[in-house]
Amino acid sequence: MLQRTFQHIPGVGPWREKDLWSRGIRTWDDFPAAGTGVAISKKTDDIARARIAEAREALERKDLRKLAELIPPREHWRLYPAFQDDAVYFDIETDGKDAQAPTVVSLFDSAGLHVFIQGRNMDALPEAMAERRLWVTFNGSCFDVPVLRDYFGPARFPVPEAHIDLRFVTRRLGIGGGLKEIEAKIGAERPPHLKGVNGYDAVLLWRAYLRRGDVEALRFLVEYNLYDSFQLRTLMDFTYNRGADELNLDVPRVPVFDRGDVLYDVSKIILDLGPTARDLDTLARVRAMEQDS
């Protein structure tokens, strides 16, 4: 896909790129060498050859940051197959207050699932996210990332080399709606007990956990959040393939992730979420208040 991208050339947008493809200039290798023909204009062709050489070198070095700088953000989805192993898919839940703080954050990457919970291990999140160069979210550029950056501070919270926000990519491809609505459209619906659960329910579940030491509420919240993260892998695969289809490009499609591969891990994480000493203290206090009333 990347070798078929020409939008890193100044003055080349979607229309001009398709025009190049239609004239047989379908890859970087097809772009005419100096003195052998004109593809765009004599002046622009010299710039184009320099940009193509720059992008080719960056791809050979697996320099994601440089490629992300060259290619317009709206086309960053094209980076996905080349850097899939460096991707992390993540989602956050918050406490619902004006200055929102993360309560549960789940990451899914090539190493598996990772959960970070306020009061337990949330402080380890920035370092975990810094290990991955490509971030994939749904509306994360508008919500998740700003919340986390405000919470941890810009000095500590990492900046990815590239960030694909699927909310905007799917919209451009004509797949409208929120994450759960889109999941239903592509056949990746959630189990019955999670259908209809939303962000406000996540806030209520967190409050139940804090106020009563209700570990079952926490387990439900973590399960809900885990689906938000690993379902993004399925959506990213589907979206990349749809984008390639829309462009009618002869490039390999990526296998769409089967969530069955991680459901055992989800169950194990949830079952391992036992109460902390603080949870037990909270529960004892609630029980004492109930006996006194």
C-alpha atoms as a PDB file:
ATOM      1  CA  MET A   1       0.000   0.000   0.000  1.00  0.00           C
ATOM      2  CA  LEU A   2       2.683   2.511   0.957  1.00  0.00           C
ATOM      3  CA  GLN A   3       4.594   2.024  -2.291  1.00  0.00           C
ATOM      4  CA  ARG A   4       1.384   3.011  -4.103  1.00  0.00           C
ATOM      5  CA  THR A   5       0.991   6.223  -2.117  1.00  0.00           C
ATOM      6  CA  PHE A   6       1.787   9.510  -3.836  1.00  0.00           C
ATOM      7  CA  GLN A   7       0.024  11.946  -1.527  1.00  0.00           C
ATOM      8  CA  HIS A   8       3.301  12.760   0.208  1.00  0.00           C
ATOM      9  CA  ILE A   9       4.204  14.731  -2.918  1.00  0.00           C
ATOM     10  CA  PRO A  10       3.312  18.462  -2.675  1.00  0.00           C
ATOM     11  CA  GLY A  11       0.234  19.206  -4.752  1.00  0.00           C
ATOM     12  CA  VAL A  12      -0.862  15.571  -5.006  1.00  0.00           C
ATOM     13  CA  GLY A  13      -4.165  14.814  -3.322  1.00  0.00           C
ATOM     14  CA  PRO A  14      -6.650  11.974  -3.767  1.00  0.00           C
ATOM     15  CA  TRP A  15      -7.695  13.035  -7.288  1.00  0.00           C
ATOM     16  CA  ARG A  16      -4.169  13.511  -8.647  1.00  0.00           C
ATOM     17  CA  GLU A  17      -3.055  10.247  -7.076  1.00  0.00           C
ATOM     18  CA  LYS A  18      -5.866   8.342  -8.793  1.00  0.00           C
ATOM     19  CA  ASP A  19      -4.946  10.052 -12.054  1.00  0.00           C
ATOM     20  CA  LEU A  20      -1.381   8.766 -11.716  1.00  0.00           C
ATOM     21  CA  TRP A  21      -2.681   5.256 -11.069  1.00  0.00           C
ATOM     22  CA  SER A  22      -4.962   5.434 -14.103  1.00  0.00           C
ATOM     23  CA  ARG A  23      -1.964   6.336 -16.290  1.00  0.00           C
ATOM     24  CA  GLY A  24      -0.022   3.283 -15.184  1.00  0.00           C
ATOM     25  CA  ILE A  25       2.048   4.969 -12.478  1.00  0.00           C
ATOM     26  CA  ARG A  26       0.777   2.673  -9.764  1.00  0.00           C
ATOM     27  CA  THR A  27       3.871   2.347  -7.566  1.00  0.00           C
ATOM     28  CA  TRP A  28       6.967   4.362  -6.721  1.00  0.00           C
ATOM     29  CA  ASP A  29       8.934   2.187  -9.133  1.00  0.00           C
ATOM     30  CA  ASP A  30       6.622   3.260 -11.974  1.00  0.00           C
ATOM     31  CA  PHE A  31       7.341   6.966 -11.523  1.00  0.00           C
ATOM     32  CA  PRO A  32       9.413   8.104 -14.542  1.00  0.00           C
ATOM     33  CA  ALA A  33      13.084   8.695 -13.946  1.00  0.00           C
ATOM     34  CA  ALA A  34      14.537  12.082 -14.811  1.00  0.00           C
ATOM     35  CA  GLY A  35      14.635  12.626 -18.565  1.00  0.00           C
ATOM     36  CA  THR A  36      12.317   9.701 -19.398  1.00  0.00           C
ATOM     37  CA  GLY A  37       8.937  11.434 -19.302  1.00  0.00           C
ATOM     38  CA  VAL A  38       6.703  13.807 -17.393  1.00  0.00           C
ATOM     39  CA  ALA A  39       4.203  12.510 -14.821  1.00  0.00           C
ATOM     40  CA  ILE A  40       2.876  15.720 -13.269  1.00  0.00           C
ATOM     41  CA  SER A  41       5.017  18.621 -14.464  1.00  0.00           C
ATOM     42  CA  LYS A  42       8.727  19.008 -15.040  1.00  0.00           C
ATOM     43  CA  LYS A  43       9.199  21.038 -11.855  1.00  0.00           C
ATOM     44  CA  THR A  44       6.919  18.904  -9.674  1.00  0.00           C
ATOM     45  CA  ASP A  45       8.419  15.664 -10.972  1.00  0.00           C
ATOM     46  CA  ASP A  46      11.832  16.608  -9.575  1.00  0.00           C
ATOM     47  CA  ILE A  47      10.245  17.234  -6.165  1.00  0.00           C
ATOM     48  CA  ALA A  48       8.239  14.011  -6.489  1.00  0.00           C
ATOM     49  CA  ARG A  49      11.314  11.912  -7.139  1.00  0.00           C
ATOM     50  CA  ALA A  50      12.992  13.392  -4.079  1.00  0.00           C
ATOM     51  CA  ARG A  51       9.930  12.694  -1.900  1.00  0.00           C
ATOM     52  CA  ILE A  52       9.605   9.155  -3.223  1.00  0.00           C
ATOM     53  CA  ALA A  53      13.286   8.511  -2.446  1.00  0.00           C
ATOM     54  CA  GLU A  54      12.790   9.938   1.042  1.00  0.00           C
ATOM     55  CA  ALA A  55       9.744   7.749   1.691  1.00  0.00           C
ATOM     56  CA  ARG A  56      11.434   4.669   0.244  1.00  0.00           C
ATOM     57  CA  GLU A  57      14.412   5.126   2.546  1.00  0.00           C
ATOM     58  CA  ALA A  58      12.129   5.661   5.562  1.00  0.00           C
ATOM     59  CA  LEU A  59      10.201   2.489   4.763  1.00  0.00           C
ATOM     60  CA  GLU A  60      13.413   0.485   4.419  1.00  0.00           C
ATOM     61  CA  ARG A  61      14.469   1.760   7.865  1.00  0.00           C
ATOM     62  CA  LYS A  62      10.980   1.099   9.264  1.00  0.00           C
ATOM     63  CA  ASP A  63      10.969   4.764  10.253  1.00  0.00           C
ATOM     64  CA  LEU A  64       7.318   5.177  11.166  1.00  0.00           C
ATOM     65  CA  ARG A  65       7.718   8.712  12.481  1.00  0.00           C
ATOM     66  CA  LYS A  66       9.218   9.947   9.213  1.00  0.00           C
ATOM     67  CA  LEU A  67       6.556   8.245   7.102  1.00  0.00           C
ATOM     68  CA  ALA A  68       3.831   9.723   9.309  1.00  0.00           C
ATOM     69  CA  GLU A  69       5.347  13.168   8.768  1.00  0.00           C
ATOM     70  CA  LEU A  70       5.422  12.702   4.993  1.00  0.00           C
ATOM     71  CA  ILE A  71       1.953  11.198   4.509  1.00  0.00           C
ATOM     72  CA  PRO A  72      -1.146  13.305   5.271  1.00  0.00           C
ATOM     73  CA  PRO A  73      -2.835  12.279   8.572  1.00  0.00           C
ATOM     74  CA  ARG A  74      -6.042  11.327   6.748  1.00  0.00           C
ATOM     75  CA  GLU A  75      -4.060   8.615   4.961  1.00  0.00           C
ATOM     76  CA  HIS A  76      -2.222   7.198   7.981  1.00  0.00           C
ATOM     77  CA  TRP A  77      -4.411   4.094   7.819  1.00  0.00           C
ATOM     78  CA  ARG A  78      -2.174   3.057   4.918  1.00  0.00           C
ATOM     79  CA  LEU A  79       0.716   2.631   7.366  1.00  0.00           C
ATOM     80  CA  TYR A  80      -1.072  -0.191   9.140  1.00  0.00           C
ATOM     81  CA  PRO A  81       0.166  -3.408   7.415  1.00  0.00           C
ATOM     82  CA  ALA A  82       3.813  -2.355   7.541  1.00  0.00           C
ATOM     83  CA  PHE A  83       3.654  -1.517  11.254  1.00  0.00           C
ATOM     84  CA  GLN A  84       0.939  -3.825  12.535  1.00  0.00           C
ATOM     85  CA  ASP A  85       3.307  -5.537  14.961  1.00  0.00           C
ATOM     86  CA  ASP A  86       4.053  -2.144  16.558  1.00  0.00           C
ATOM     87  CA  ALA A  87       0.369  -1.275  17.085  1.00  0.00           C
ATOM     88  CA  VAL A  88      -1.509  -0.917  20.347  1.00  0.00           C
ATOM     89  CA  TYR A  89      -5.300  -0.697  20.443  1.00  0.00           C
ATOM     90  CA  PHE A  90      -6.632   1.025  23.540  1.00  0.00           C
ATOM     91  CA  ASP A  91      -9.640   2.555  25.214  1.00  0.00           C
ATOM     92  CA  ILE A  92     -10.285   4.300  28.516  1.00  0.00           C
ATOM     93  CA  GLU A  93     -13.095   4.735  31.008  1.00  0.00           C
ATOM     94  CA  THR A  94     -13.271   7.799  33.258  1.00  0.00           C
ATOM     95  CA  ASP A  95     -14.844   8.869  36.549  1.00  0.00           C
ATOM     96  CA  GLY A  96     -17.311  11.236  34.841  1.00  0.00           C
ATOM     97  CA  LYS A  97     -16.163  14.317  36.771  1.00  0.00           C
ATOM     98  CA  ASP A  98     -15.474  17.702  35.170  1.00  0.00           C
ATOM     99  CA  ALA A  99     -11.707  17.119  35.303  1.00  0.00           C
ATOM    100  CA  GLN A 100     -11.977  13.566  34.074  1.00  0.00           C
ATOM    101  CA  ALA A 101      -9.556  10.986  35.415  1.00  0.00           C
ATOM    102  CA  PRO A 102      -9.040   7.525  33.920  1.00  0.00           C
ATOM    103  CA  THR A 103     -10.503   4.694  35.976  1.00  0.00           C
ATOM    104  CA  VAL A 104      -9.822   1.680  33.746  1.00  0.00           C
ATOM    105  CA  VAL A 105      -7.619   1.562  30.647  1.00  0.00           C
ATOM    106  CA  SER A 106      -7.109  -1.545  28.544  1.00  0.00           C
ATOM    107  CA  LEU A 107      -4.450  -2.109  25.912  1.00  0.00           C
ATOM    108  CA  PHE A 108      -4.284  -4.837  23.304  1.00  0.00           C
ATOM    109  CA  ASP A 109      -1.080  -5.457  21.369  1.00  0.00           C
ATOM    110  CA  SER A 110       0.959  -8.323  19.968  1.00  0.00           C
ATOM    111  CA  ALA A 111       1.817  -9.372  23.536  1.00  0.00           C
ATOM    112  CA  GLY A 112      -1.840  -9.681  24.529  1.00  0.00           C
ATOM    113  CA  LEU A 113      -4.218  -7.820  26.827  1.00  0.00           C
ATOM    114  CA  HIS A 114      -3.193  -5.395  29.561  1.00  0.00           C
ATOM    115  CA  VAL A 115      -5.465  -3.686  32.089  1.00  0.00           C
ATOM    116  CA  PHE A 116      -4.647  -0.638  34.206  1.00  0.00           C
ATOM    117  CA  ILE A 117      -6.918   0.312  37.097  1.00  0.00           C
ATOM    118  CA  GLN A 118      -7.018   3.472  39.177  1.00  0.00           C
ATOM    119  CA  GLY A 119      -5.657   2.750  42.647  1.00  0.00           C
ATOM    120  CA  ARG A 120      -3.933  -0.429  41.524  1.00  0.00           C
ATOM    121  CA  ASN A 121      -1.494  -0.078  38.644  1.00  0.00           C
ATOM    122  CA  MET A 122      -2.544   3.021  36.649  1.00  0.00           C
ATOM    123  CA  ASP A 123       0.861   4.657  37.213  1.00  0.00           C
ATOM    124  CA  ALA A 124       2.460   2.044  34.947  1.00  0.00           C
ATOM    125  CA  LEU A 125       0.336   3.024  31.929  1.00  0.00           C
ATOM    126  CA  PRO A 126       2.585   5.665  30.282  1.00  0.00           C
ATOM    127  CA  GLU A 127       5.545   3.308  30.131  1.00  0.00           C
ATOM    128  CA  ALA A 128       3.386   0.538  28.668  1.00  0.00           C
ATOM    129  CA  MET A 129       2.020   2.824  25.964  1.00  0.00           C
ATOM    130  CA  ALA A 130       5.476   4.162  25.140  1.00  0.00           C
ATOM    131  CA  GLU A 131       6.503   0.662  24.066  1.00  0.00           C
ATOM    132  CA  ARG A 132       4.242   0.846  20.995  1.00  0.00           C
ATOM    133  CA  ARG A 133       4.877   3.210  18.089  1.00  0.00           C
ATOM    134  CA  LEU A 134       1.465   3.051  16.405  1.00  0.00           C
ATOM    135  CA  TRP A 135      -1.676   3.850  18.389  1.00  0.00           C
ATOM    136  CA  VAL A 136      -5.150   2.813  17.209  1.00  0.00           C
ATOM    137  CA  THR A 137      -8.275   4.259  18.838  1.00  0.00           C
ATOM    138  CA  PHE A 138     -11.867   5.220  18.143  1.00  0.00           C
ATOM    139  CA  ASN A 139     -12.247   8.933  18.900  1.00  0.00           C
ATOM    140  CA  GLY A 140      -9.056   8.708  20.907  1.00  0.00           C
ATOM    141  CA  SER A 141      -7.550  11.853  19.418  1.00  0.00           C
ATOM    142  CA  CYS A 142     -10.505  13.853  20.774  1.00  0.00           C
ATOM    143  CA  PHE A 143     -11.097  12.102  24.103  1.00  0.00           C
ATOM    144  CA  ASP A 144      -8.833   9.290  25.324  1.00  0.00           C
ATOM    145  CA  VAL A 145      -5.463  10.867  24.582  1.00  0.00           C
ATOM    146  CA  PRO A 146      -6.314  14.370  25.895  1.00  0.00           C
ATOM    147  CA  VAL A 147      -7.698  12.875  29.131  1.00  0.00           C
ATOM    148  CA  LEU A 148      -4.592  10.767  29.662  1.00  0.00           C
ATOM    149  CA  ARG A 149      -2.236  13.621  28.774  1.00  0.00           C
ATOM    150  CA  ASP A 150      -3.958  15.942  31.240  1.00  0.00           C
ATOM    151  CA  TYR A 151      -3.923  13.290  33.938  1.00  0.00           C
ATOM    152  CA  PHE A 152      -0.275  12.215  33.646  1.00  0.00           C
ATOM    153  CA  GLY A 153       1.080  15.509  32.341  1.00  0.00           C
ATOM    154  CA  PRO A 154       2.644  16.113  28.910  1.00  0.00           C
ATOM    155  CA  ALA A 155       6.160  15.586  30.294  1.00  0.00           C
ATOM    156  CA  ARG A 156       5.377  12.007  31.274  1.00  0.00           C
ATOM    157  CA  PHE A 157       2.722  10.904  28.809  1.00  0.00           C
ATOM    158  CA  PRO A 158       4.266   9.612  25.548  1.00  0.00           C
ATOM    159  CA  VAL A 159       3.583  10.800  22.008  1.00  0.00           C
ATOM    160  CA  PRO A 160       3.190   8.041  19.397  1.00  0.00           C
ATOM    161  CA  GLU A 161       4.992   8.044  16.101  1.00  0.00           C
ATOM    162  CA  ALA A 162       1.583   7.677  14.416  1.00  0.00           C
ATOM    163  CA  HIS A 163      -2.022   7.550  15.637  1.00  0.00           C
ATOM    164  CA  ILE A 164      -4.900   6.128  13.587  1.00  0.00           C
ATOM    165  CA  ASP A 165      -8.245   7.359  14.903  1.00  0.00           C
ATOM    166  CA  LEU A 166     -10.797   5.014  13.355  1.00  0.00           C
ATOM    167  CA  ARG A 167     -13.698   7.338  14.068  1.00  0.00           C
ATOM    168  CA  PHE A 168     -12.590   9.556  11.182  1.00  0.00           C
ATOM    169  CA  VAL A 169     -11.328   6.813   8.863  1.00  0.00           C
ATOM    170  CA  THR A 170     -14.583   4.866   9.037  1.00  0.00           C
ATOM    171  CA  ARG A 171     -16.600   8.039   8.463  1.00  0.00           C
ATOM    172  CA  ARG A 172     -14.627   8.781   5.293  1.00  0.00           C
ATOM    173  CA  LEU A 173     -15.382   5.253   4.098  1.00  0.00           C
ATOM    174  CA  GLY A 174     -19.117   5.749   4.650  1.00  0.00           C
ATOM    175  CA  ILE A 175     -19.322   3.621   7.798  1.00  0.00           C
ATOM    176  CA  GLY A 176     -21.151   5.958  10.144  1.00  0.00           C
ATOM    177  CA  GLY A 177     -22.020   5.665  13.812  1.00  0.00           C
ATOM    178  CA  GLY A 178     -20.285   5.039  17.107  1.00  0.00           C
ATOM    179  CA  LEU A 179     -17.978   2.135  17.844  1.00  0.00           C
ATOM    180  CA  LYS A 180     -20.671  -0.289  18.994  1.00  0.00           C
ATOM    181  CA  GLU A 181     -22.969   0.608  16.104  1.00  0.00           C
ATOM    182  CA  ILE A 182     -20.166  -0.025  13.621  1.00  0.00           C
ATOM    183  CA  GLU A 183     -19.292  -3.320  15.336  1.00  0.00           C
ATOM    184  CA  ALA A 184     -22.844  -4.489  14.681  1.00  0.00           C
ATOM    185  CA  LYS A 185     -22.599  -3.440  11.039  1.00  0.00           C
ATOM    186  CA  ILE A 186     -19.459  -5.492  10.447  1.00  0.00           C
ATOM    187  CA  GLY A 187     -20.649  -8.559  12.348  1.00  0.00           C
ATOM    188  CA  ALA A 188     -18.544  -8.070  15.482  1.00  0.00           C
ATOM    189  CA  GLU A 189     -21.340  -7.650  18.024  1.00  0.00           C
ATOM    190  CA  ARG A 190     -20.738  -8.049  21.731  1.00  0.00           C
ATOM    191  CA  PRO A 191     -22.199 -10.766  23.952  1.00  0.00           C
ATOM    192  CA  PRO A 192     -25.786 -10.160  25.173  1.00  0.00           C
ATOM    193  CA  HIS A 193     -24.839  -9.020  28.672  1.00  0.00           C
ATOM    194  CA  LEU A 194     -22.677  -6.203  27.238  1.00  0.00           C
ATOM    195  CA  LYS A 195     -25.139  -4.961  24.636  1.00  0.00           C
ATOM    196  CA  GLY A 196     -26.530  -1.568  25.516  1.00  0.00           C
ATOM    197  CA  VAL A 197     -23.828  -0.834  28.096  1.00  0.00           C
ATOM    198  CA  ASN A 198     -22.443   2.669  27.552  1.00  0.00           C
ATOM    199  CA  GLY A 199     -19.981   5.188  28.948  1.00  0.00           C
ATOM    200  CA  TYR A 200     -22.352   6.423  31.641  1.00  0.00           C
ATOM    201  CA  ASP A 201     -22.895   2.866  32.835  1.00  0.00           C
ATOM    202  CA  ALA A 202     -19.106   2.605  33.109  1.00  0.00           C
ATOM    203  CA  VAL A 203     -19.109   5.637  35.427  1.00  0.00           C
ATOM    204  CA  LEU A 204     -21.837   4.074  37.597  1.00  0.00           C
ATOM    205  CA  LEU A 205     -19.965   0.782  37.790  1.00  0.00           C
ATOM    206  CA  TRP A 206     -16.825   2.580  38.948  1.00  0.00           C
ATOM    207  CA  ARG A 207     -18.761   4.491  41.592  1.00  0.00           C
ATOM    208  CA  ALA A 208     -20.272   1.238  42.851  1.00  0.00           C
ATOM    209  CA  TYR A 209     -16.817  -0.243  43.138  1.00  0.00           C
ATOM    210  CA  LEU A 210     -15.413   2.777  45.010  1.00  0.00           C
ATOM    211  CA  ARG A 211     -18.319   3.222  47.406  1.00  0.00           C
ATOM    212  CA  ARG A 212     -19.010  -0.392  48.293  1.00  0.00           C
ATOM    213  CA  GLY A 213     -15.848  -2.273  47.366  1.00  0.00           C
ATOM    214  CA  ASP A 214     -18.030  -4.061  44.820  1.00  0.00           C
ATOM    215  CA  VAL A 215     -15.519  -6.215  42.943  1.00  0.00           C
ATOM    216  CA  GLU A 216     -18.265  -7.642  40.716  1.00  0.00           C
ATOM    217  CA  ALA A 217     -18.968  -4.115  39.477  1.00  0.00           C
ATOM    218  CA  LEU A 218     -15.258  -3.701  38.742  1.00  0.00           C
ATOM    219  CA  ARG A 219     -15.153  -7.006  36.895  1.00  0.00           C
ATOM    220  CA  PHE A 220     -18.083  -5.971  34.719  1.00  0.00           C
ATOM    221  CA  LEU A 221     -16.445  -2.619  34.019  1.00  0.00           C
ATOM    222  CA  VAL A 222     -13.121  -4.210  33.078  1.00  0.00           C
ATOM    223  CA  GLU A 223     -14.817  -6.697  30.765  1.00  0.00           C
ATOM    224  CA  TYR A 224     -16.698  -3.875  29.052  1.00  0.00           C
ATOM    225  CA  ASN A 225     -13.489  -1.903  28.612  1.00  0.00           C
ATOM    226  CA  LEU A 226     -11.507  -4.894  27.347  1.00  0.00           C
ATOM    227  CA  TYR A 227     -14.002  -5.349  24.520  1.00  0.00           C
ATOM    228  CA  ASP A 228     -13.519  -1.695  23.609  1.00  0.00           C
ATOM    229  CA  SER A 229      -9.806  -2.321  23.108  1.00  0.00           C
ATOM    230  CA  PHE A 230      -9.533  -5.657  21.335  1.00  0.00           C
ATOM    231  CA  GLN A 231     -12.560  -5.012  19.120  1.00  0.00           C
ATOM    232  CA  LEU A 232     -10.514  -2.143  17.677  1.00  0.00           C
ATOM    233  CA  ARG A 233      -8.153  -4.702  16.162  1.00  0.00           C
ATOM    234  CA  THR A 234     -11.039  -6.280  14.266  1.00  0.00           C
ATOM    235  CA  LEU A 235     -12.282  -2.855  13.174  1.00  0.00           C
ATOM    236  CA  MET A 236      -8.801  -1.756  12.083  1.00  0.00           C
ATOM    237  CA  ASP A 237      -8.359  -4.865   9.937  1.00  0.00           C
ATOM    238  CA  PHE A 238     -11.817  -4.446   8.429  1.00  0.00           C
ATOM    239  CA  THR A 239     -11.295  -0.721   7.808  1.00  0.00           C
ATOM    240  CA  TYR A 240      -7.941  -1.204   6.112  1.00  0.00           C
ATOM    241  CA  ASN A 241      -9.421  -3.798   3.766  1.00  0.00           C
ATOM    242  CA  ARG A 242     -12.415  -1.566   3.028  1.00  0.00           C
ATOM    243  CA  GLY A 243     -10.070   1.316   2.248  1.00  0.00           C
ATOM    244  CA  ALA A 244      -8.080  -0.832  -0.162  1.00  0.00           C
ATOM    245  CA  ASP A 245     -11.338  -1.977  -1.784  1.00  0.00           C
ATOM    246  CA  GLU A 246     -12.551   1.612  -2.181  1.00  0.00           C
ATOM    247  CA  LEU A 247      -9.315   2.527  -3.953  1.00  0.00           C
ATOM    248  CA  ASN A 248      -9.504  -0.646  -6.063  1.00  0.00           C
ATOM    249  CA  LEU A 249      -5.868  -1.383  -5.351  1.00  0.00           C
ATOM    250  CA  ASP A 250      -4.225  -4.715  -6.044  1.00  0.00           C
ATOM    251  CA  VAL A 251      -2.610  -5.027  -2.615  1.00  0.00           C
ATOM    252  CA  PRO A 252      -2.815  -7.884  -0.101  1.00  0.00           C
ATOM    253  CA  ARG A 253      -5.692  -7.618   2.345  1.00  0.00           C
ATOM    254  CA  VAL A 254      -4.980  -8.258   6.010  1.00  0.00           C
ATOM    255  CA  PRO A 255      -6.612 -11.187   7.832  1.00  0.00           C
ATOM    256  CA  VAL A 256      -9.433  -9.865  10.013  1.00  0.00           C
ATOM    257  CA  PHE A 257      -8.757 -10.563  13.672  1.00  0.00           C
ATOM    258  CA  ASP A 258     -10.893 -13.250  15.300  1.00  0.00           C
ATOM    259  CA  ARG A 259     -11.660 -12.208  18.854  1.00  0.00           C
ATOM    260  CA  GLY A 260     -12.052 -15.832  19.858  1.00  0.00           C
ATOM    261  CA  ASP A 261      -8.281 -15.865  20.214  1.00  0.00           C
ATOM    262  CA  VAL A 262      -8.437 -13.596  23.285  1.00  0.00           C
ATOM    263  CA  LEU A 263     -11.712 -14.473  25.019  1.00  0.00           C
ATOM    264  CA  TYR A 264      -9.965 -16.965  27.305  1.00  0.00           C
ATOM    265  CA  ASP A 265      -7.559 -14.197  28.363  1.00  0.00           C
ATOM    266  CA  VAL A 266     -10.499 -11.870  29.032  1.00  0.00           C
ATOM    267  CA  SER A 267     -12.099 -14.429  31.325  1.00  0.00           C
ATOM    268  CA  LYS A 268      -8.820 -15.028  33.146  1.00  0.00           C
ATOM    269  CA  ILE A 269      -8.225 -11.309  33.737  1.00  0.00           C
ATOM    270  CA  ILE A 270     -11.722 -10.841  35.106  1.00  0.00           C
ATOM    271  CA  LEU A 271     -11.506 -13.838  37.440  1.00  0.00           C
ATOM    272  CA  ASP A 272      -8.100 -12.715  38.703  1.00  0.00           C
ATOM    273  CA  LEU A 273      -9.508  -9.338  39.769  1.00  0.00           C
ATOM    274  CA  GLY A 274      -9.771 -10.111  43.446  1.00  0.00           C
ATOM    275  CA  PRO A 275     -10.429  -7.463  46.099  1.00  0.00           C
ATOM    276  CA  THR A 276      -7.576  -5.347  47.429  1.00  0.00           C
ATOM    277  CA  ALA A 277      -7.091  -4.563  51.111  1.00  0.00           C
ATOM    278  CA  ARG A 278      -8.780  -1.209  50.470  1.00  0.00           C
ATOM    279  CA  ASP A 279     -11.756  -2.963  48.872  1.00  0.00           C
ATOM    280  CA  LEU A 280     -12.122  -5.205  51.902  1.00  0.00           C
ATOM    281  CA  ASP A 281     -11.950  -2.193  54.229  1.00  0.00           C
ATOM    282  CA  THR A 282     -14.612  -0.430  52.177  1.00  0.00           C
ATOM    283  CA  LEU A 283     -16.839  -3.487  52.254  1.00  0.00           C
ATOM    284  CA  ALA A 284     -16.427  -3.837  56.028  1.00  0.00           C
ATOM    285  CA  ARG A 285     -17.316  -0.167  56.496  1.00  0.00           C
ATOM    286  CA  VAL A 286     -20.423  -0.458  54.320  1.00  0.00           C
ATOM    287  CA  ARG A 287     -21.547  -3.534  56.228  1.00  0.00           C
ATOM    288  CA  ALA A 288     -21.007  -1.757  59.550  1.00  0.00           C
ATOM    289  CA  MET A 289     -23.072   1.216  58.378  1.00  0.00           C
ATOM    290  CA  GLU A 290     -25.833  -1.154  57.288  1.00  0.00           C
ATOM    291  CA  GLN A 291     -25.892  -2.839  60.720  1.00  0.00           C
ATOM    292  CA  ASP A 292     -26.035   0.514  62.497  1.00  0.00           C
ATOM    293  CA  SER A 293     -28.956   1.760  60.436  1.00  0.00           C
END
